[in-house]
Amino acid sequence: MVVGVADVPVEESLTRYSCCETPFSSVVFSVHLRRKPLYYVISLLVPSILFSVLTLLSLTLQPGCSERIGLGLYAIIIIIINEEINVAFSQKNFKDT
């Protein structure tokens, strides 16, 4: 799960109105959520670094080299596979909740 519940404070208050003898109570729940950073590291930071390294590596190859195109395609395939894994991981976690 990407988000976890950090704290749930509860506040109760009694309010007296001039029209009624009995007080009215109200309860306020505040849910504090905390994001888990590992998901963002895996889904955003790692693919960006991999793509940057592969792009810089392909720029060091000679322009006429056919391996330069293959390396660029390899980088694109890595990004697509990573996105598919992230979608599958998110759907699995969504079904678990």
N, C-alpha and C. Protein backbone atom coordinates (compact mmCIF):
# COMPACT_ATOMS: atom_id res chain seq x y z
N MET A 1 0.84 -1.17 0.00
CA MET A 1 0.00 0.00 0.00
C MET A 1 0.89 1.24 0.00
N VAL A 2 0.55 2.23 -0.76
CA VAL A 2 1.35 3.44 -0.92
C VAL A 2 1.17 4.38 0.26
N VAL A 3 -0.01 4.41 0.85
CA VAL A 3 -0.31 5.33 1.94
C VAL A 3 -0.66 4.51 3.18
N GLY A 4 -0.12 4.95 4.33
CA GLY A 4 -0.44 4.30 5.60
C GLY A 4 -1.08 5.29 6.55
N VAL A 5 -1.88 4.80 7.46
CA VAL A 5 -2.53 5.66 8.44
C VAL A 5 -1.54 5.92 9.56
N ALA A 6 -1.22 7.19 9.79
CA ALA A 6 -0.26 7.55 10.83
C ALA A 6 -0.94 7.74 12.18
N ASP A 7 -2.07 8.43 12.19
CA ASP A 7 -2.73 8.74 13.46
C ASP A 7 -4.20 9.05 13.20
N VAL A 8 -5.05 8.73 14.18
CA VAL A 8 -6.47 9.05 14.09
C VAL A 8 -6.91 9.68 15.41
N PRO A 9 -6.67 10.98 15.58
CA PRO A 9 -7.14 11.62 16.81
C PRO A 9 -8.65 11.86 16.78
N VAL A 10 -9.27 11.78 17.95
CA VAL A 10 -10.71 11.95 18.08
C VAL A 10 -10.98 13.11 19.04
N GLU A 11 -11.87 14.01 18.63
CA GLU A 11 -12.27 15.13 19.49
C GLU A 11 -13.77 15.07 19.71
N GLU A 12 -14.15 15.15 20.98
CA GLU A 12 -15.57 15.13 21.32
C GLU A 12 -15.91 16.46 21.99
N SER A 13 -17.05 17.01 21.61
CA SER A 13 -17.46 18.27 22.23
C SER A 13 -18.96 18.24 22.50
N LEU A 14 -19.34 18.89 23.57
CA LEU A 14 -20.75 19.03 23.93
C LEU A 14 -21.15 20.49 23.71
N THR A 15 -22.28 20.69 23.05
CA THR A 15 -22.78 22.03 22.78
C THR A 15 -24.17 22.17 23.35
N ARG A 16 -24.38 23.22 24.10
CA ARG A 16 -25.70 23.50 24.67
C ARG A 16 -26.33 24.67 23.90
N TYR A 17 -27.56 24.45 23.49
CA TYR A 17 -28.31 25.49 22.80
C TYR A 17 -29.40 26.03 23.73
N SER A 18 -29.77 27.28 23.51
CA SER A 18 -30.77 27.90 24.40
C SER A 18 -32.16 27.30 24.23
N CYS A 19 -32.41 26.67 23.12
CA CYS A 19 -33.73 26.12 22.87
C CYS A 19 -33.96 24.76 23.55
N CYS A 20 -32.90 24.04 23.86
CA CYS A 20 -33.05 22.67 24.34
C CYS A 20 -32.36 22.50 25.69
N GLU A 21 -32.87 21.56 26.45
CA GLU A 21 -32.28 21.28 27.75
C GLU A 21 -31.08 20.34 27.64
N THR A 22 -31.14 19.39 26.73
CA THR A 22 -30.07 18.40 26.61
C THR A 22 -28.95 18.92 25.70
N PRO A 23 -27.73 18.64 26.05
CA PRO A 23 -26.63 19.07 25.18
C PRO A 23 -26.49 18.13 23.98
N PHE A 24 -25.99 18.69 22.89
CA PHE A 24 -25.73 17.91 21.68
C PHE A 24 -24.24 17.62 21.62
N SER A 25 -23.94 16.38 21.35
CA SER A 25 -22.53 16.00 21.26
C SER A 25 -22.12 15.86 19.80
N SER A 26 -20.88 16.20 19.55
CA SER A 26 -20.33 16.01 18.21
C SER A 26 -18.95 15.36 18.35
N VAL A 27 -18.66 14.46 17.45
CA VAL A 27 -17.39 13.74 17.45
C VAL A 27 -16.71 14.01 16.12
N VAL A 28 -15.45 14.44 16.19
CA VAL A 28 -14.69 14.75 14.97
C VAL A 28 -13.51 13.80 14.90
N PHE A 29 -13.43 13.04 13.82
CA PHE A 29 -12.31 12.15 13.56
C PHE A 29 -11.40 12.81 12.53
N SER A 30 -10.13 12.89 12.83
CA SER A 30 -9.14 13.41 11.88
C SER A 30 -8.19 12.27 11.53
N VAL A 31 -8.09 11.96 10.26
CA VAL A 31 -7.23 10.87 9.81
C VAL A 31 -5.97 11.49 9.21
N HIS A 32 -4.82 11.17 9.79
CA HIS A 32 -3.54 11.66 9.29
C HIS A 32 -2.88 10.53 8.49
N LEU A 33 -2.62 10.79 7.22
CA LEU A 33 -2.03 9.79 6.34
C LEU A 33 -0.55 10.09 6.12
N ARG A 34 0.22 9.05 5.91
CA ARG A 34 1.65 9.20 5.63
C ARG A 34 1.98 8.39 4.38
N ARG A 35 2.63 9.06 3.41
CA ARG A 35 3.05 8.36 2.20
C ARG A 35 4.30 7.54 2.47
N LYS A 36 4.37 6.39 1.82
CA LYS A 36 5.55 5.55 1.94
C LYS A 36 6.49 5.88 0.79
N PRO A 37 7.71 6.30 1.07
CA PRO A 37 8.60 6.79 0.02
C PRO A 37 9.17 5.71 -0.89
N LEU A 38 9.18 4.46 -0.47
CA LEU A 38 9.78 3.41 -1.29
C LEU A 38 9.07 3.26 -2.63
N TYR A 39 7.76 3.42 -2.65
CA TYR A 39 7.01 3.31 -3.90
C TYR A 39 7.47 4.36 -4.90
N TYR A 40 7.68 5.58 -4.42
CA TYR A 40 8.09 6.66 -5.32
C TYR A 40 9.52 6.47 -5.79
N VAL A 41 10.38 5.92 -4.94
CA VAL A 41 11.75 5.65 -5.35
C VAL A 41 11.77 4.61 -6.45
N ILE A 42 10.97 3.57 -6.28
CA ILE A 42 10.95 2.49 -7.27
C ILE A 42 10.27 2.92 -8.56
N SER A 43 9.19 3.65 -8.47
CA SER A 43 8.41 3.96 -9.67
C SER A 43 8.86 5.22 -10.39
N LEU A 44 9.55 6.14 -9.72
CA LEU A 44 9.96 7.39 -10.37
C LEU A 44 11.47 7.56 -10.46
N LEU A 45 12.15 7.38 -9.37
CA LEU A 45 13.57 7.70 -9.33
C LEU A 45 14.43 6.69 -10.07
N VAL A 46 14.24 5.42 -9.83
CA VAL A 46 15.06 4.38 -10.47
C VAL A 46 14.89 4.38 -11.99
N PRO A 47 13.67 4.43 -12.55
CA PRO A 47 13.56 4.47 -14.01
C PRO A 47 14.17 5.73 -14.61
N SER A 48 14.05 6.85 -13.93
CA SER A 48 14.64 8.09 -14.46
C SER A 48 16.16 7.99 -14.52
N ILE A 49 16.75 7.44 -13.47
CA ILE A 49 18.21 7.28 -13.46
C ILE A 49 18.65 6.29 -14.52
N LEU A 50 17.94 5.15 -14.65
CA LEU A 50 18.29 4.17 -15.68
C LEU A 50 18.18 4.76 -17.08
N PHE A 51 17.12 5.48 -17.34
CA PHE A 51 16.94 6.07 -18.65
C PHE A 51 18.03 7.11 -18.95
N SER A 52 18.39 7.90 -17.96
CA SER A 52 19.45 8.90 -18.15
C SER A 52 20.79 8.24 -18.42
N VAL A 53 21.11 7.19 -17.69
CA VAL A 53 22.38 6.49 -17.90
C VAL A 53 22.42 5.85 -19.29
N LEU A 54 21.33 5.20 -19.69
CA LEU A 54 21.31 4.56 -21.01
C LEU A 54 21.36 5.60 -22.12
N THR A 55 20.74 6.74 -21.93
CA THR A 55 20.79 7.80 -22.94
C THR A 55 22.21 8.35 -23.06
N LEU A 56 22.85 8.61 -21.93
CA LEU A 56 24.24 9.09 -21.98
C LEU A 56 25.17 8.04 -22.58
N LEU A 57 24.91 6.78 -22.29
CA LEU A 57 25.72 5.71 -22.85
C LEU A 57 25.54 5.62 -24.37
N SER A 58 24.31 5.82 -24.83
CA SER A 58 24.09 5.76 -26.28
C SER A 58 24.71 6.96 -26.99
N LEU A 59 24.85 8.08 -26.31
CA LEU A 59 25.47 9.24 -26.92
C LEU A 59 26.98 9.10 -27.05
N THR A 60 27.58 8.20 -26.26
CA THR A 60 29.02 7.98 -26.37
C THR A 60 29.37 7.11 -27.57
N LEU A 61 28.40 6.39 -28.11
CA LEU A 61 28.65 5.55 -29.28
C LEU A 61 28.71 6.42 -30.54
N GLN A 62 29.35 5.90 -31.54
CA GLN A 62 29.48 6.64 -32.80
C GLN A 62 28.13 6.74 -33.49
N PRO A 63 27.90 7.84 -34.24
CA PRO A 63 26.59 8.04 -34.87
C PRO A 63 26.20 6.95 -35.86
N GLY A 64 27.14 6.37 -36.54
CA GLY A 64 26.81 5.36 -37.54
C GLY A 64 26.66 3.97 -36.96
N CYS A 65 26.87 3.80 -35.72
CA CYS A 65 26.82 2.48 -35.08
C CYS A 65 25.36 2.02 -34.93
N SER A 66 25.10 0.80 -35.38
CA SER A 66 23.73 0.28 -35.29
C SER A 66 23.37 -0.08 -33.85
N GLU A 67 24.37 -0.28 -33.01
CA GLU A 67 24.11 -0.63 -31.62
C GLU A 67 23.53 0.56 -30.84
N ARG A 68 23.74 1.76 -31.37
CA ARG A 68 23.19 2.96 -30.71
C ARG A 68 21.66 2.93 -30.73
N ILE A 69 21.09 2.52 -31.84
CA ILE A 69 19.63 2.43 -31.95
C ILE A 69 19.10 1.32 -31.04
N GLY A 70 19.82 0.21 -31.01
CA GLY A 70 19.40 -0.90 -30.15
C GLY A 70 19.42 -0.52 -28.68
N LEU A 71 20.41 0.26 -28.28
CA LEU A 71 20.50 0.69 -26.89
C LEU A 71 19.36 1.65 -26.55
N GLY A 72 19.00 2.52 -27.49
CA GLY A 72 17.86 3.42 -27.28
C GLY A 72 16.56 2.65 -27.16
N LEU A 73 16.37 1.65 -28.00
CA LEU A 73 15.17 0.81 -27.92
C LEU A 73 15.13 0.02 -26.62
N TYR A 74 16.29 -0.42 -26.18
CA TYR A 74 16.38 -1.15 -24.91
C TYR A 74 15.93 -0.26 -23.76
N ALA A 75 16.32 1.01 -23.79
CA ALA A 75 15.91 1.95 -22.75
C ALA A 75 14.40 2.15 -22.76
N ILE A 76 13.81 2.26 -23.92
CA ILE A 76 12.36 2.43 -24.02
C ILE A 76 11.63 1.18 -23.52
N ILE A 77 12.14 0.01 -23.85
CA ILE A 77 11.52 -1.23 -23.38
C ILE A 77 11.59 -1.34 -21.86
N ILE A 78 12.71 -0.91 -21.27
CA ILE A 78 12.83 -0.93 -19.81
C ILE A 78 11.78 -0.03 -19.17
N ILE A 79 11.56 1.14 -19.74
CA ILE A 79 10.56 2.06 -19.19
C ILE A 79 9.16 1.45 -19.29
N ILE A 80 8.83 0.85 -20.42
CA ILE A 80 7.50 0.25 -20.60
C ILE A 80 7.30 -0.90 -19.61
N ILE A 81 8.29 -1.76 -19.46
CA ILE A 81 8.17 -2.89 -18.53
C ILE A 81 8.02 -2.38 -17.10
N ASN A 82 8.77 -1.35 -16.75
CA ASN A 82 8.67 -0.80 -15.39
C ASN A 82 7.28 -0.23 -15.14
N GLU A 83 6.71 0.46 -16.10
CA GLU A 83 5.36 0.99 -15.92
C GLU A 83 4.33 -0.13 -15.78
N GLU A 84 4.47 -1.19 -16.55
CA GLU A 84 3.55 -2.32 -16.45
C GLU A 84 3.65 -2.99 -15.08
N ILE A 85 4.86 -3.12 -14.56
CA ILE A 85 5.05 -3.71 -13.24
C ILE A 85 4.41 -2.81 -12.18
N ASN A 86 4.58 -1.49 -12.31
CA ASN A 86 3.98 -0.57 -11.34
C ASN A 86 2.47 -0.64 -11.36
N VAL A 87 1.87 -0.74 -12.54
CA VAL A 87 0.42 -0.83 -12.64
C VAL A 87 -0.07 -2.13 -12.01
N ALA A 88 0.60 -3.23 -12.29
CA ALA A 88 0.20 -4.52 -11.72
C ALA A 88 0.36 -4.50 -10.20
N PHE A 89 1.44 -3.89 -9.71
CA PHE A 89 1.67 -3.80 -8.27
C PHE A 89 0.61 -2.94 -7.60
N SER A 90 0.24 -1.84 -8.24
CA SER A 90 -0.78 -0.95 -7.67
C SER A 90 -2.13 -1.64 -7.64
N GLN A 91 -2.48 -2.36 -8.69
CA GLN A 91 -3.76 -3.04 -8.72
C GLN A 91 -3.83 -4.14 -7.68
N LYS A 92 -2.71 -4.84 -7.47
CA LYS A 92 -2.69 -5.90 -6.46
C LYS A 92 -2.88 -5.30 -5.07
N ASN A 93 -2.23 -4.19 -4.79
CA ASN A 93 -2.39 -3.55 -3.48
C ASN A 93 -3.77 -2.96 -3.31
N PHE A 94 -4.37 -2.48 -4.40
CA PHE A 94 -5.72 -1.91 -4.33
C PHE A 94 -6.74 -3.00 -4.01
N LYS A 95 -6.55 -4.20 -4.57
CA LYS A 95 -7.49 -5.30 -4.31
C LYS A 95 -7.34 -5.82 -2.88
N ASP A 96 -6.14 -5.69 -2.29
CA ASP A 96 -5.91 -6.19 -0.94
C ASP A 96 -6.62 -5.34 0.12
N THR A 97 -6.93 -4.07 -0.21
CA THR A 97 -7.54 -3.18 0.79
C THR A 97 -9.04 -3.30 0.79
